Amino acid sequence: MRRLTAPMFIVAVAALHGLAGAAAPPAQPVPIPAATPDELASLIGSGKWTIIEFGGEHCIPCKAMQPVLQELRDALGGKGVIRNFWIQQYPAVAREHRIMVMPTQVVINPQGEEVLRHQGYWDAAEFRAALRRVGAL
């Protein structure tokens, strides 16, 4: 009788338990895309709620905001759009929008008016509550 090696044993046990060919691990969430200055201008007043995360690709608090933004994107559905805007690439646009801290989240209503602004990391529950107060959720 042939002796099982460790990898063969794992495959055999998985097959016995119905785990062979199990579903792939869950897909990673789709990243929030970065907007260009032209896209940013077209989003403002587009008739949809717009959330812009002004930050940096390598900024740790900005990276920490990405799962929060992904969750909010799913909650907004077709009612709104969320974009990152990397201020190091476009400092003049950042100055135009009075961005002093990374990250800064700016919420713009469908009429193109800024209705919320927050600097730093924003907890998902607090962000949701603020969006509810202004009617975005």
Protein backbone atom coordinates (compact mmCIF):
# COMPACT_ATOMS: atom_id res chain seq x y z
CA MET A 1 0.00 0.00 0.00
CA ARG A 2 1.23 3.44 -0.95
CA ARG A 3 1.84 5.96 1.79
CA LEU A 4 0.03 9.35 1.51
CA THR A 5 2.09 12.52 1.52
CA ALA A 6 0.76 15.56 3.36
CA PRO A 7 -0.62 17.28 0.21
CA MET A 8 -2.28 14.04 -0.94
CA PHE A 9 -3.78 13.59 2.54
CA ILE A 10 -5.26 17.12 2.51
CA VAL A 11 -6.80 16.53 -0.93
CA ALA A 12 -8.21 13.18 0.21
CA VAL A 13 -9.74 14.65 3.39
CA ALA A 14 -11.18 17.58 1.42
CA ALA A 15 -12.75 15.18 -1.07
CA LEU A 16 -14.29 13.15 1.76
CA HIS A 17 -15.80 16.25 3.29
CA GLY A 18 -17.12 17.58 -0.01
CA LEU A 19 -14.67 20.45 -0.04
CA ALA A 20 -12.86 19.53 -3.23
CA GLY A 21 -13.73 22.07 -5.88
CA ALA A 22 -15.27 24.35 -3.25
CA ALA A 23 -16.20 27.85 -4.28
CA ALA A 24 -13.42 30.33 -4.82
CA PRO A 25 -12.76 32.85 -2.08
CA PRO A 26 -15.05 35.87 -2.18
CA ALA A 27 -14.15 38.46 -4.77
CA GLN A 28 -12.43 41.61 -3.59
CA PRO A 29 -14.62 44.74 -3.66
CA VAL A 30 -14.27 46.90 -6.74
CA PRO A 31 -11.97 49.83 -5.92
CA ILE A 32 -13.28 53.37 -5.92
CA PRO A 33 -11.97 54.96 -9.14
CA ALA A 34 -9.95 58.16 -9.16
CA ALA A 35 -11.42 61.14 -10.97
CA THR A 36 -9.59 63.49 -13.29
CA PRO A 37 -10.22 67.24 -13.02
CA ASP A 38 -12.55 67.07 -16.05
CA GLU A 39 -14.55 64.20 -14.56
CA LEU A 40 -14.73 65.99 -11.22
CA ALA A 41 -16.16 69.07 -12.93
CA SER A 42 -18.73 66.96 -14.81
CA LEU A 43 -19.83 65.13 -11.65
CA ILE A 44 -20.65 68.33 -9.79
CA GLY A 45 -24.22 69.24 -10.69
CA SER A 46 -24.73 66.01 -12.62
CA GLY A 47 -28.12 65.41 -11.03
CA LYS A 48 -26.74 62.74 -8.68
CA TRP A 49 -25.34 62.77 -5.19
CA THR A 50 -21.56 62.96 -5.46
CA ILE A 51 -19.05 62.04 -2.78
CA ILE A 52 -15.46 63.03 -3.47
CA GLU A 53 -12.64 61.72 -1.31
CA PHE A 54 -9.80 64.21 -1.69
CA GLY A 55 -6.67 62.39 -0.65
CA GLY A 56 -3.57 60.54 -1.71
CA GLU A 57 -2.87 57.10 -3.07
CA HIS A 58 -0.27 56.43 -0.36
CA CYS A 59 -1.98 58.23 2.52
CA ILE A 60 -2.76 55.73 5.29
CA PRO A 61 -6.03 57.36 6.49
CA CYS A 62 -7.09 57.65 2.82
CA LYS A 63 -6.48 53.92 2.35
CA ALA A 64 -8.45 53.22 5.53
CA MET A 65 -11.40 55.14 4.04
CA GLN A 66 -11.62 52.92 0.95
CA PRO A 67 -13.71 50.11 2.54
CA VAL A 68 -16.04 52.76 4.03
CA LEU A 69 -16.45 54.37 0.61
CA GLN A 70 -17.07 50.98 -1.02
CA GLU A 71 -19.79 50.24 1.53
CA LEU A 72 -21.41 53.64 0.94
CA ARG A 73 -21.20 53.18 -2.83
CA ASP A 74 -23.26 50.01 -2.45
CA ALA A 75 -25.75 51.80 -0.18
CA LEU A 76 -26.14 54.73 -2.62
CA GLY A 77 -26.73 52.46 -5.58
CA GLY A 78 -27.72 54.42 -8.68
CA LYS A 79 -28.62 57.47 -6.60
CA GLY A 80 -25.03 58.69 -6.40
CA VAL A 81 -21.41 58.33 -7.36
CA ILE A 82 -18.24 58.16 -5.26
CA ARG A 83 -14.79 59.04 -6.56
CA ASN A 84 -11.30 59.49 -5.18
CA PHE A 85 -9.39 62.57 -6.23
CA TRP A 86 -5.61 62.40 -5.79
CA ILE A 87 -4.58 65.89 -4.79
CA GLN A 88 -0.81 65.38 -5.32
CA GLN A 89 -1.47 65.00 -9.04
CA TYR A 90 -3.68 68.10 -9.26
CA PRO A 91 -2.71 70.57 -6.49
CA ALA A 92 -4.40 73.53 -8.22
CA VAL A 93 -7.75 71.69 -8.17
CA ALA A 94 -7.23 70.85 -4.49
CA ARG A 95 -6.63 74.54 -3.72
CA GLU A 96 -9.72 75.47 -5.74
CA HIS A 97 -11.78 73.17 -3.50
CA ARG A 98 -10.10 74.47 -0.31
CA ILE A 99 -8.58 71.09 0.61
CA MET A 100 -6.18 71.45 3.54
CA VAL A 101 -6.17 67.92 5.03
CA MET A 102 -5.97 64.41 3.57
CA PRO A 103 -8.44 62.84 3.45
CA THR A 104 -11.28 65.30 3.07
CA GLN A 105 -14.71 63.98 2.09
CA VAL A 106 -16.98 66.40 0.26
CA VAL A 107 -20.63 65.55 -0.38
CA ILE A 108 -22.38 67.41 -3.20
CA ASN A 109 -26.14 67.27 -3.72
CA PRO A 110 -27.75 66.67 -7.14
CA GLN A 111 -28.01 70.44 -7.69
CA GLY A 112 -24.22 70.83 -7.39
CA GLU A 113 -24.15 72.33 -3.89
CA GLU A 114 -21.70 71.18 -1.24
CA VAL A 115 -23.78 69.95 1.71
CA LEU A 116 -21.17 68.13 3.84
CA ARG A 117 -17.45 68.34 4.40
CA HIS A 118 -15.37 66.21 6.75
CA GLN A 119 -11.62 66.11 7.30
CA GLY A 120 -9.79 62.92 8.32
CA TYR A 121 -11.05 59.37 8.71
CA TRP A 122 -14.85 59.15 8.88
CA ASP A 123 -16.37 56.11 10.55
CA ALA A 124 -18.91 54.31 8.33
CA ALA A 125 -21.79 54.60 10.82
CA GLU A 126 -21.20 58.33 11.33
CA PHE A 127 -20.81 58.90 7.59
CA ARG A 128 -24.08 57.04 6.91
CA ALA A 129 -25.89 59.07 9.58
CA ALA A 130 -24.64 62.33 8.05
CA LEU A 131 -25.76 61.18 4.58
CA ARG A 132 -29.20 60.34 5.97
CA ARG A 133 -29.47 63.82 7.55
CA VAL A 134 -28.93 65.51 4.17
CA GLY A 135 -31.20 63.07 2.30
CA ALA A 136 -28.57 61.17 0.32
CA LEU A 137 -29.52 57.82 1.91
